[in-house]
Amino acid sequence: MKSAIKKVITLNKKEPKTAMEVMVKMQEECGELAAEMLRYIGKKGANGNTKKILKGKILEEGCDIMITVVSVLEKFGFKEKDIAKMIKLKCDKWKANLSKYKEWEKIK
């Protein structure tokens, strides 16, 4: 993951779009991911695509979102190590919250 973050940061340094423009692009990508997910679960026409193809499109759109998020963060001057450290901290917090759910389930 770190090398992927580094690659996005390197490419983004040459990107002329502002952070706000990249943020708008991220919103577009979120809509595209939602559309592919709706197709996958049958709530929107699949346009003749198989589940396998739709799953690949979900991966593609999800990665587009990840790239735009890293791009926005880089526009604010964050480095690869900053992003990786924050992801680790957030995952640790998520993990702690998941353990609380297990305790709650025991109470039921």
C-alpha atoms as a PDB file:
ATOM      1  CA  MET A   1       0.000   0.000   0.000  1.00  0.00           C
ATOM      2  CA  LYS A   2       2.844   2.391   0.807  1.00  0.00           C
ATOM      3  CA  SER A   3       4.306   2.101  -2.678  1.00  0.00           C
ATOM      4  CA  ALA A   4       0.851   2.785  -4.156  1.00  0.00           C
ATOM      5  CA  ILE A   5       0.532   5.905  -2.018  1.00  0.00           C
ATOM      6  CA  LYS A   6       4.008   6.994  -3.096  1.00  0.00           C
ATOM      7  CA  LYS A   7       3.140   6.496  -6.780  1.00  0.00           C
ATOM      8  CA  VAL A   8      -0.046   8.585  -6.447  1.00  0.00           C
ATOM      9  CA  ILE A   9       1.857  11.347  -4.651  1.00  0.00           C
ATOM     10  CA  THR A  10       4.557  11.392  -7.333  1.00  0.00           C
ATOM     11  CA  LEU A  11       1.994  11.641 -10.145  1.00  0.00           C
ATOM     12  CA  ASN A  12      -0.098  14.184  -8.272  1.00  0.00           C
ATOM     13  CA  LYS A  13       2.818  16.616  -8.003  1.00  0.00           C
ATOM     14  CA  LYS A  14       2.438  17.097 -11.777  1.00  0.00           C
ATOM     15  CA  GLU A  15      -1.376  17.391 -11.619  1.00  0.00           C
ATOM     16  CA  PRO A  16      -2.503  20.976 -12.302  1.00  0.00           C
ATOM     17  CA  LYS A  17      -5.922  20.536 -10.644  1.00  0.00           C
ATOM     18  CA  THR A  18      -6.501  22.218  -7.286  1.00  0.00           C
ATOM     19  CA  ALA A  19      -7.491  20.284  -4.171  1.00  0.00           C
ATOM     20  CA  MET A  20     -11.082  21.433  -4.685  1.00  0.00           C
ATOM     21  CA  GLU A  21     -11.099  20.229  -8.297  1.00  0.00           C
ATOM     22  CA  VAL A  22      -9.737  16.845  -7.217  1.00  0.00           C
ATOM     23  CA  MET A  23     -12.363  16.722  -4.453  1.00  0.00           C
ATOM     24  CA  VAL A  24     -15.118  17.260  -7.022  1.00  0.00           C
ATOM     25  CA  LYS A  25     -13.571  14.451  -9.088  1.00  0.00           C
ATOM     26  CA  MET A  26     -13.704  12.225  -6.010  1.00  0.00           C
ATOM     27  CA  GLN A  27     -17.418  12.920  -5.652  1.00  0.00           C
ATOM     28  CA  GLU A  28     -17.881  11.890  -9.279  1.00  0.00           C
ATOM     29  CA  GLU A  29     -15.973   8.673  -8.621  1.00  0.00           C
ATOM     30  CA  CYS A  30     -18.147   7.946  -5.562  1.00  0.00           C
ATOM     31  CA  GLY A  31     -21.217   8.209  -7.777  1.00  0.00           C
ATOM     32  CA  GLU A  32     -19.671   5.846 -10.300  1.00  0.00           C
ATOM     33  CA  LEU A  33     -18.892   3.309  -7.559  1.00  0.00           C
ATOM     34  CA  ALA A  34     -22.462   3.551  -6.274  1.00  0.00           C
ATOM     35  CA  ALA A  35     -23.818   2.958  -9.788  1.00  0.00           C
ATOM     36  CA  GLU A  36     -21.669  -0.161 -10.246  1.00  0.00           C
ATOM     37  CA  MET A  37     -22.720  -1.489  -6.856  1.00  0.00           C
ATOM     38  CA  LEU A  38     -26.379  -0.944  -7.727  1.00  0.00           C
ATOM     39  CA  ARG A  39     -25.828  -2.846 -10.965  1.00  0.00           C
ATOM     40  CA  TYR A  40     -24.115  -5.663  -9.072  1.00  0.00           C
ATOM     41  CA  ILE A  41     -27.015  -6.119  -6.641  1.00  0.00           C
ATOM     42  CA  GLY A  42     -29.590  -5.876  -9.432  1.00  0.00           C
ATOM     43  CA  LYS A  43     -31.080  -2.502  -8.548  1.00  0.00           C
ATOM     44  CA  LYS A  44     -29.919  -0.928 -11.814  1.00  0.00           C
ATOM     45  CA  GLY A  45     -29.527  -2.341 -15.327  1.00  0.00           C
ATOM     46  CA  ALA A  46     -26.298  -4.314 -15.704  1.00  0.00           C
ATOM     47  CA  ASN A  47     -25.977  -3.325 -19.391  1.00  0.00           C
ATOM     48  CA  GLY A  48     -25.294  -6.954 -20.276  1.00  0.00           C
ATOM     49  CA  ASN A  49     -22.327  -7.218 -17.890  1.00  0.00           C
ATOM     50  CA  THR A  50     -21.746 -10.368 -15.867  1.00  0.00           C
ATOM     51  CA  LYS A  51     -21.273 -10.322 -12.089  1.00  0.00           C
ATOM     52  CA  LYS A  52     -17.555 -10.902 -12.678  1.00  0.00           C
ATOM     53  CA  ILE A  53     -17.291  -7.832 -14.932  1.00  0.00           C
ATOM     54  CA  LEU A  54     -19.339  -5.739 -12.519  1.00  0.00           C
ATOM     55  CA  LYS A  55     -17.133  -6.821  -9.618  1.00  0.00           C
ATOM     56  CA  GLY A  56     -14.093  -5.676 -11.606  1.00  0.00           C
ATOM     57  CA  LYS A  57     -15.772  -2.315 -12.210  1.00  0.00           C
ATOM     58  CA  ILE A  58     -16.410  -1.994  -8.473  1.00  0.00           C
ATOM     59  CA  LEU A  59     -12.697  -2.560  -7.844  1.00  0.00           C
ATOM     60  CA  GLU A  60     -11.795  -0.002 -10.513  1.00  0.00           C
ATOM     61  CA  GLU A  61     -14.101   2.702  -9.160  1.00  0.00           C
ATOM     62  CA  GLY A  62     -13.052   2.003  -5.573  1.00  0.00           C
ATOM     63  CA  CYS A  63      -9.405   2.441  -6.531  1.00  0.00           C
ATOM     64  CA  ASP A  64     -10.259   5.669  -8.367  1.00  0.00           C
ATOM     65  CA  ILE A  65     -11.681   6.967  -5.093  1.00  0.00           C
ATOM     66  CA  MET A  66      -8.571   5.943  -3.168  1.00  0.00           C
ATOM     67  CA  ILE A  67      -6.354   7.691  -5.712  1.00  0.00           C
ATOM     68  CA  THR A  68      -8.346  10.915  -5.515  1.00  0.00           C
ATOM     69  CA  VAL A  69      -8.310  10.856  -1.698  1.00  0.00           C
ATOM     70  CA  VAL A  70      -4.514  10.548  -1.666  1.00  0.00           C
ATOM     71  CA  SER A  71      -4.344  13.303  -4.304  1.00  0.00           C
ATOM     72  CA  VAL A  72      -6.350  15.684  -2.115  1.00  0.00           C
ATOM     73  CA  LEU A  73      -4.160  14.898   0.894  1.00  0.00           C
ATOM     74  CA  GLU A  74      -1.000  15.504  -1.135  1.00  0.00           C
ATOM     75  CA  LYS A  75      -2.381  18.864  -2.288  1.00  0.00           C
ATOM     76  CA  PHE A  76      -2.450  19.806   1.406  1.00  0.00           C
ATOM     77  CA  GLY A  77       1.209  18.856   1.775  1.00  0.00           C
ATOM     78  CA  PHE A  78       0.846  15.477   3.464  1.00  0.00           C
ATOM     79  CA  LYS A  79       3.604  12.978   2.759  1.00  0.00           C
ATOM     80  CA  GLU A  80       3.416   9.229   2.298  1.00  0.00           C
ATOM     81  CA  LYS A  81       4.488   8.615   5.904  1.00  0.00           C
ATOM     82  CA  ASP A  82       1.794  11.009   7.223  1.00  0.00           C
ATOM     83  CA  ILE A  83      -0.927   9.221   5.285  1.00  0.00           C
ATOM     84  CA  ALA A  84       0.310   5.726   6.206  1.00  0.00           C
ATOM     85  CA  LYS A  85       0.568   6.695   9.892  1.00  0.00           C
ATOM     86  CA  MET A  86      -2.957   8.115   9.954  1.00  0.00           C
ATOM     87  CA  ILE A  87      -4.359   5.052   8.193  1.00  0.00           C
ATOM     88  CA  LYS A  88      -2.712   2.867  10.854  1.00  0.00           C
ATOM     89  CA  LEU A  89      -4.134   5.015  13.664  1.00  0.00           C
ATOM     90  CA  LYS A  90      -7.612   4.919  12.142  1.00  0.00           C
ATOM     91  CA  CYS A  91      -7.400   1.129  11.660  1.00  0.00           C
ATOM     92  CA  ASP A  92      -6.355   0.717  15.288  1.00  0.00           C
ATOM     93  CA  LYS A  93      -9.365   2.784  16.367  1.00  0.00           C
ATOM     94  CA  TRP A  94     -11.631   0.755  14.080  1.00  0.00           C
ATOM     95  CA  LYS A  95     -10.262  -2.483  15.547  1.00  0.00           C
ATOM     96  CA  ALA A  96     -10.938  -1.222  19.091  1.00  0.00           C
ATOM     97  CA  ASN A  97     -14.491  -0.311  18.112  1.00  0.00           C
ATOM     98  CA  LEU A  98     -15.061  -3.753  16.609  1.00  0.00           C
ATOM     99  CA  SER A  99     -14.091  -5.382  19.890  1.00  0.00           C
ATOM    100  CA  LYS A 100     -16.749  -3.246  21.633  1.00  0.00           C
ATOM    101  CA  TYR A 101     -19.375  -4.698  19.290  1.00  0.00           C
ATOM    102  CA  LYS A 102     -18.364  -8.209  20.300  1.00  0.00           C
ATOM    103  CA  GLU A 103     -18.786  -7.277  23.974  1.00  0.00           C
ATOM    104  CA  TRP A 104     -22.206  -5.772  23.233  1.00  0.00           C
ATOM    105  CA  GLU A 105     -23.292  -8.941  21.429  1.00  0.00           C
ATOM    106  CA  LYS A 106     -22.406 -10.989  24.524  1.00  0.00           C
ATOM    107  CA  ILE A 107     -24.729  -8.819  26.655  1.00  0.00           C
ATOM    108  CA  LYS A 108     -27.709  -9.584  24.411  1.00  0.00           C
END
